[in-house]
All heavy atoms as atom14 arrays in JSON, in Angstrom:
{
  "sequence": "HGVKGRMEPAEIGLVAHVVARTRGMAVEELA",
  "atom14_mask": [
    [1, 1, 1, 1, 1, 1, 1, 1, 1, 1, 0, 0, 0, 0],
    [1, 1, 1, 1, 0, 0, 0, 0, 0, 0, 0, 0, 0, 0],
    [1, 1, 1, 1, 1, 1, 1, 0, 0, 0, 0, 0, 0, 0],
    [1, 1, 1, 1, 1, 1, 1, 1, 1, 0, 0, 0, 0, 0],
    [1, 1, 1, 1, 0, 0, 0, 0, 0, 0, 0, 0, 0, 0],
    [1, 1, 1, 1, 1, 1, 1, 1, 1, 1, 1, 0, 0, 0],
    [1, 1, 1, 1, 1, 1, 1, 1, 0, 0, 0, 0, 0, 0],
    [1, 1, 1, 1, 1, 1, 1, 1, 1, 0, 0, 0, 0, 0],
    [1, 1, 1, 1, 1, 1, 1, 0, 0, 0, 0, 0, 0, 0],
    [1, 1, 1, 1, 1, 0, 0, 0, 0, 0, 0, 0, 0, 0],
    [1, 1, 1, 1, 1, 1, 1, 1, 1, 0, 0, 0, 0, 0],
    [1, 1, 1, 1, 1, 1, 1, 1, 0, 0, 0, 0, 0, 0],
    [1, 1, 1, 1, 0, 0, 0, 0, 0, 0, 0, 0, 0, 0],
    [1, 1, 1, 1, 1, 1, 1, 1, 0, 0, 0, 0, 0, 0],
    [1, 1, 1, 1, 1, 1, 1, 0, 0, 0, 0, 0, 0, 0],
    [1, 1, 1, 1, 1, 0, 0, 0, 0, 0, 0, 0, 0, 0],
    [1, 1, 1, 1, 1, 1, 1, 1, 1, 1, 0, 0, 0, 0],
    [1, 1, 1, 1, 1, 1, 1, 0, 0, 0, 0, 0, 0, 0],
    [1, 1, 1, 1, 1, 1, 1, 0, 0, 0, 0, 0, 0, 0],
    [1, 1, 1, 1, 1, 0, 0, 0, 0, 0, 0, 0, 0, 0],
    [1, 1, 1, 1, 1, 1, 1, 1, 1, 1, 1, 0, 0, 0],
    [1, 1, 1, 1, 1, 1, 1, 0, 0, 0, 0, 0, 0, 0],
    [1, 1, 1, 1, 1, 1, 1, 1, 1, 1, 1, 0, 0, 0],
    [1, 1, 1, 1, 0, 0, 0, 0, 0, 0, 0, 0, 0, 0],
    [1, 1, 1, 1, 1, 1, 1, 1, 0, 0, 0, 0, 0, 0],
    [1, 1, 1, 1, 1, 0, 0, 0, 0, 0, 0, 0, 0, 0],
    [1, 1, 1, 1, 1, 1, 1, 0, 0, 0, 0, 0, 0, 0],
    [1, 1, 1, 1, 1, 1, 1, 1, 1, 0, 0, 0, 0, 0],
    [1, 1, 1, 1, 1, 1, 1, 1, 1, 0, 0, 0, 0, 0],
    [1, 1, 1, 1, 1, 1, 1, 1, 0, 0, 0, 0, 0, 0],
    [1, 1, 1, 1, 1, 0, 0, 0, 0, 0, 0, 0, 0, 0]
  ],
  "atom14_positions": [
    [[-3.45, 40.98, -79.59], [-3.16, 39.89, -78.66], [-3.59, 38.54, -79.24], [-4.51, 38.45, -80.05], [-3.9, 40.08, -77.33], [-3.3, 41.13, -76.45], [-3.12, 42.43, -76.84], [-2.83, 41.04, -75.16], [-2.57, 43.12, -75.84], [-2.39, 42.3, -74.82], [0.0, 0.0, 0.0], [0.0, 0.0, 0.0], [0.0, 0.0, 0.0], [0.0, 0.0, 0.0]],
    [[-2.9, 37.5, -78.78], [-3.37, 36.16, -79.02], [-4.34, 35.74, -77.93], [-4.75, 36.56, -77.1], [0.0, 0.0, 0.0], [0.0, 0.0, 0.0], [0.0, 0.0, 0.0], [0.0, 0.0, 0.0], [0.0, 0.0, 0.0], [0.0, 0.0, 0.0], [0.0, 0.0, 0.0], [0.0, 0.0, 0.0], [0.0, 0.0, 0.0], [0.0, 0.0, 0.0]],
    [[-4.7, 34.47, -77.91], [-5.64, 33.94, -76.93], [-5.0, 32.76, -76.21], [-4.46, 31.86, -76.86], [-6.96, 33.49, -77.61], [-7.92, 32.9, -76.58], [-7.61, 34.65, -78.35], [0.0, 0.0, 0.0], [0.0, 0.0, 0.0], [0.0, 0.0, 0.0], [0.0, 0.0, 0.0], [0.0, 0.0, 0.0], [0.0, 0.0, 0.0], [0.0, 0.0, 0.0]],
    [[-5.05, 32.77, -74.91], [-4.48, 31.67, -74.12], [-5.1, 30.34, -74.55], [-6.31, 30.22, -74.69], [-4.73, 31.9, -72.64], [-4.11, 30.85, -71.74], [-4.36, 31.15, -70.26], [-3.72, 30.1, -69.37], [-3.98, 30.36, -67.93], [0.0, 0.0, 0.0], [0.0, 0.0, 0.0], [0.0, 0.0, 0.0], [0.0, 0.0, 0.0], [0.0, 0.0, 0.0]],
    [[-4.25, 29.36, -74.78], [-4.71, 28.04, -75.2], [-4.83, 27.88, -76.7], [-5.05, 26.77, -77.19], [0.0, 0.0, 0.0], [0.0, 0.0, 0.0], [0.0, 0.0, 0.0], [0.0, 0.0, 0.0], [0.0, 0.0, 0.0], [0.0, 0.0, 0.0], [0.0, 0.0, 0.0], [0.0, 0.0, 0.0], [0.0, 0.0, 0.0], [0.0, 0.0, 0.0]],
    [[-4.7, 28.99, -77.45], [-4.72, 28.93, -78.92], [-3.31, 29.21, -79.43], [-2.83, 30.31, -79.38], [-5.7, 29.97, -79.48], [-5.87, 29.87, -81.0], [-6.69, 31.02, -81.57], [-5.95, 32.28, -81.57], [-6.35, 33.4, -82.17], [-7.52, 33.42, -82.8], [-5.61, 34.5, -82.12], [0.0, 0.0, 0.0], [0.0, 0.0, 0.0], [0.0, 0.0, 0.0]],
    [[-2.66, 28.17, -79.91], [-1.3, 28.32, -80.43], [-1.33, 29.11, -81.73], [-2.3, 29.05, -82.5], [-0.7, 26.93, -80.66], [0.8, 26.91, -80.89], [1.71, 27.39, -79.43], [3.38, 26.84, -79.86], [0.0, 0.0, 0.0], [0.0, 0.0, 0.0], [0.0, 0.0, 0.0], [0.0, 0.0, 0.0], [0.0, 0.0, 0.0], [0.0, 0.0, 0.0]],
    [[-0.26, 29.85, -81.98], [-0.14, 30.63, -83.22], [1.22, 30.38, -83.86], [2.19, 30.05, -83.17], [-0.24, 32.13, -82.93], [-1.59, 32.62, -82.48], [-1.65, 34.15, -82.46], [-0.78, 34.8, -83.09], [-2.57, 34.68, -81.81], [0.0, 0.0, 0.0], [0.0, 0.0, 0.0], [0.0, 0.0, 0.0], [0.0, 0.0, 0.0], [0.0, 0.0, 0.0]],
    [[1.32, 30.56, -85.18], [2.63, 30.4, -85.83], [3.68, 31.38, -85.3], [4.88, 31.09, -85.36], [2.32, 30.63, -87.32], [0.99, 31.32, -87.36], [0.25, 30.82, -86.16], [0.0, 0.0, 0.0], [0.0, 0.0, 0.0], [0.0, 0.0, 0.0], [0.0, 0.0, 0.0], [0.0, 0.0, 0.0], [0.0, 0.0, 0.0], [0.0, 0.0, 0.0]],
    [[3.25, 32.51, -84.75], [4.2, 33.46, -84.15], [4.96, 32.85, -82.99], [6.01, 33.37, -82.57], [3.46, 34.72, -83.68], [0.0, 0.0, 0.0], [0.0, 0.0, 0.0], [0.0, 0.0, 0.0], [0.0, 0.0, 0.0], [0.0, 0.0, 0.0], [0.0, 0.0, 0.0], [0.0, 0.0, 0.0], [0.0, 0.0, 0.0], [0.0, 0.0, 0.0]],
    [[4.47, 31.73, -82.45], [5.07, 31.1, -81.28], [6.0, 29.93, -81.64], [6.41, 29.18, -80.76], [3.98, 30.62, -80.34], [3.12, 31.76, -79.79], [2.0, 31.27, -78.91], [0.94, 30.87, -79.47], [2.15, 31.29, -77.68], [0.0, 0.0, 0.0], [0.0, 0.0, 0.0], [0.0, 0.0, 0.0], [0.0, 0.0, 0.0], [0.0, 0.0, 0.0]],
    [[6.36, 29.8, -82.91], [7.26, 28.72, -83.3], [8.6, 28.85, -82.58], [9.27, 27.85, -82.3], [7.47, 28.73, -84.83], [8.25, 27.51, -85.3], [8.16, 30.01, -85.3], [7.5, 26.22, -85.2], [0.0, 0.0, 0.0], [0.0, 0.0, 0.0], [0.0, 0.0, 0.0], [0.0, 0.0, 0.0], [0.0, 0.0, 0.0], [0.0, 0.0, 0.0]],
    [[8.97, 30.08, -82.22], [10.21, 30.28, -81.48], [10.21, 29.61, -80.12], [11.27, 29.22, -79.61], [0.0, 0.0, 0.0], [0.0, 0.0, 0.0], [0.0, 0.0, 0.0], [0.0, 0.0, 0.0], [0.0, 0.0, 0.0], [0.0, 0.0, 0.0], [0.0, 0.0, 0.0], [0.0, 0.0, 0.0], [0.0, 0.0, 0.0], [0.0, 0.0, 0.0]],
    [[9.03, 29.47, -79.51], [8.94, 28.77, -78.23], [9.29, 27.3, -78.39], [10.0, 26.71, -77.58], [7.54, 28.92, -77.65], [7.05, 30.33, -77.35], [5.64, 30.29, -76.76], [8.01, 31.04, -76.39], [0.0, 0.0, 0.0], [0.0, 0.0, 0.0], [0.0, 0.0, 0.0], [0.0, 0.0, 0.0], [0.0, 0.0, 0.0], [0.0, 0.0, 0.0]],
    [[8.77, 26.7, -79.47], [9.08, 25.3, -79.75], [10.58, 25.15, -79.99], [11.23, 24.23, -79.47], [8.28, 24.8, -80.96], [8.63, 23.34, -81.28], [6.78, 24.93, -80.72], [0.0, 0.0, 0.0], [0.0, 0.0, 0.0], [0.0, 0.0, 0.0], [0.0, 0.0, 0.0], [0.0, 0.0, 0.0], [0.0, 0.0, 0.0], [0.0, 0.0, 0.0]],
    [[11.14, 26.08, -80.77], [12.57, 26.04, -81.07], [13.4, 26.16, -79.78], [14.4, 25.46, -79.6], [12.93, 27.17, -82.04], [0.0, 0.0, 0.0], [0.0, 0.0, 0.0], [0.0, 0.0, 0.0], [0.0, 0.0, 0.0], [0.0, 0.0, 0.0], [0.0, 0.0, 0.0], [0.0, 0.0, 0.0], [0.0, 0.0, 0.0], [0.0, 0.0, 0.0]],
    [[12.97, 27.03, -78.88], [13.7, 27.24, -77.64], [13.69, 25.98, -76.78], [14.73, 25.58, -76.23], [13.08, 28.41, -76.87], [13.9, 28.91, -75.72], [13.88, 28.31, -74.47], [14.78, 29.93, -75.64], [14.71, 28.96, -73.67], [15.27, 29.94, -74.34], [0.0, 0.0, 0.0], [0.0, 0.0, 0.0], [0.0, 0.0, 0.0], [0.0, 0.0, 0.0]],
    [[12.54, 25.33, -76.65], [12.44, 24.11, -75.86], [13.33, 23.02, -76.45], [14.08, 22.35, -75.73], [10.98, 23.62, -75.77], [10.92, 22.24, -75.11], [10.13, 24.61, -74.99], [0.0, 0.0, 0.0], [0.0, 0.0, 0.0], [0.0, 0.0, 0.0], [0.0, 0.0, 0.0], [0.0, 0.0, 0.0], [0.0, 0.0, 0.0], [0.0, 0.0, 0.0]],
    [[13.25, 22.84, -77.76], [14.04, 21.8, -78.41], [15.53, 22.09, -78.27], [16.33, 21.19, -77.98], [13.64, 21.66, -79.89], [14.57, 20.68, -80.61], [12.2, 21.19, -80.01], [0.0, 0.0, 0.0], [0.0, 0.0, 0.0], [0.0, 0.0, 0.0], [0.0, 0.0, 0.0], [0.0, 0.0, 0.0], [0.0, 0.0, 0.0], [0.0, 0.0, 0.0]],
    [[15.91, 23.35, -78.45], [17.33, 23.72, -78.33], [17.84, 23.47, -76.92], [18.92, 22.9, -76.72], [17.51, 25.18, -78.72], [0.0, 0.0, 0.0], [0.0, 0.0, 0.0], [0.0, 0.0, 0.0], [0.0, 0.0, 0.0], [0.0, 0.0, 0.0], [0.0, 0.0, 0.0], [0.0, 0.0, 0.0], [0.0, 0.0, 0.0], [0.0, 0.0, 0.0]],
    [[17.08, 23.9, -75.92], [17.48, 23.7, -74.52], [17.6, 22.21, -74.21], [18.53, 21.78, -73.52], [16.46, 24.35, -73.59], [16.55, 25.85, -73.49], [17.69, 26.29, -72.57], [17.53, 25.76, -71.23], [16.84, 26.36, -70.25], [16.23, 27.51, -70.48], [16.76, 25.81, -69.06], [0.0, 0.0, 0.0], [0.0, 0.0, 0.0], [0.0, 0.0, 0.0]],
    [[16.66, 21.44, -74.71], [16.65, 19.99, -74.48], [17.9, 19.34, -75.08], [18.47, 18.41, -74.5], [15.39, 19.36, -75.08], [14.23, 19.91, -74.45], [15.39, 17.85, -74.9], [0.0, 0.0, 0.0], [0.0, 0.0, 0.0], [0.0, 0.0, 0.0], [0.0, 0.0, 0.0], [0.0, 0.0, 0.0], [0.0, 0.0, 0.0], [0.0, 0.0, 0.0]],
    [[18.31, 19.85, -76.24], [19.45, 19.26, -76.94], [20.79, 19.9, -76.54], [21.84, 19.51, -77.06], [19.23, 19.4, -78.44], [18.03, 18.6, -78.95], [17.72, 18.95, -80.4], [18.76, 18.48, -81.31], [18.69, 17.38, -82.05], [17.58, 16.62, -82.0], [19.66, 17.03, -82.86], [0.0, 0.0, 0.0], [0.0, 0.0, 0.0], [0.0, 0.0, 0.0]],
    [[20.73, 20.92, -75.67], [21.96, 21.54, -75.2], [22.66, 22.39, -76.22], [23.89, 22.39, -76.31], [0.0, 0.0, 0.0], [0.0, 0.0, 0.0], [0.0, 0.0, 0.0], [0.0, 0.0, 0.0], [0.0, 0.0, 0.0], [0.0, 0.0, 0.0], [0.0, 0.0, 0.0], [0.0, 0.0, 0.0], [0.0, 0.0, 0.0], [0.0, 0.0, 0.0]],
    [[21.89, 23.14, -77.02], [22.49, 23.99, -78.04], [21.79, 25.34, -78.07], [20.72, 25.51, -77.5], [22.39, 23.31, -79.41], [20.98, 23.01, -79.88], [20.9, 21.96, -81.36], [21.77, 22.95, -82.58], [0.0, 0.0, 0.0], [0.0, 0.0, 0.0], [0.0, 0.0, 0.0], [0.0, 0.0, 0.0], [0.0, 0.0, 0.0], [0.0, 0.0, 0.0]],
    [[22.4, 26.3, -78.73], [21.83, 27.63, -78.84], [20.62, 27.6, -79.76], [20.62, 26.9, -80.78], [22.86, 28.61, -79.38], [0.0, 0.0, 0.0], [0.0, 0.0, 0.0], [0.0, 0.0, 0.0], [0.0, 0.0, 0.0], [0.0, 0.0, 0.0], [0.0, 0.0, 0.0], [0.0, 0.0, 0.0], [0.0, 0.0, 0.0], [0.0, 0.0, 0.0]],
    [[19.58, 28.34, -79.4], [18.38, 28.35, -80.22], [18.67, 28.9, -81.61], [18.07, 28.47, -82.61], [17.25, 29.16, -79.52], [17.6, 30.62, -79.38], [15.93, 28.99, -80.27], [0.0, 0.0, 0.0], [0.0, 0.0, 0.0], [0.0, 0.0, 0.0], [0.0, 0.0, 0.0], [0.0, 0.0, 0.0], [0.0, 0.0, 0.0], [0.0, 0.0, 0.0]],
    [[19.61, 29.84, -81.71], [19.97, 30.39, -83.02], [20.57, 29.33, -83.94], [20.27, 29.27, -85.13], [20.97, 31.55, -82.85], [20.41, 32.78, -82.17], [20.43, 32.69, -80.65], [20.91, 31.64, -80.11], [20.0, 33.66, -80.0], [0.0, 0.0, 0.0], [0.0, 0.0, 0.0], [0.0, 0.0, 0.0], [0.0, 0.0, 0.0], [0.0, 0.0, 0.0]],
    [[21.4, 28.49, -83.36], [22.02, 27.4, -84.12], [20.97, 26.4, -84.58], [20.97, 25.95, -85.74], [23.07, 26.7, -83.27], [23.78, 25.55, -83.97], [24.72, 24.77, -83.05], [24.84, 25.14, -81.86], [25.31, 23.78, -83.52], [0.0, 0.0, 0.0], [0.0, 0.0, 0.0], [0.0, 0.0, 0.0], [0.0, 0.0, 0.0], [0.0, 0.0, 0.0]],
    [[20.07, 26.05, -83.68], [19.02, 25.11, -84.04], [18.1, 25.68, -85.11], [17.77, 25.0, -86.09], [18.2, 24.74, -82.81], [17.09, 23.73, -83.11], [17.28, 22.44, -82.32], [15.71, 24.3, -82.83], [0.0, 0.0, 0.0], [0.0, 0.0, 0.0], [0.0, 0.0, 0.0], [0.0, 0.0, 0.0], [0.0, 0.0, 0.0], [0.0, 0.0, 0.0]],
    [[17.7, 26.94, -84.96], [16.8, 27.58, -85.93], [17.43, 27.61, -87.32], [16.75, 27.36, -88.33], [16.44, 28.99, -85.47], [0.0, 0.0, 0.0], [0.0, 0.0, 0.0], [0.0, 0.0, 0.0], [0.0, 0.0, 0.0], [0.0, 0.0, 0.0], [0.0, 0.0, 0.0], [0.0, 0.0, 0.0], [0.0, 0.0, 0.0], [0.0, 0.0, 0.0]]
  ]
}
């Protein structure tokens, strides 16, 4: 497990998802 409040590189997909949704595109395309 990770720890709440401690970001990990495994969570880069979350950043990608937020940015993709914000820009109105598929996360796969953005990644």
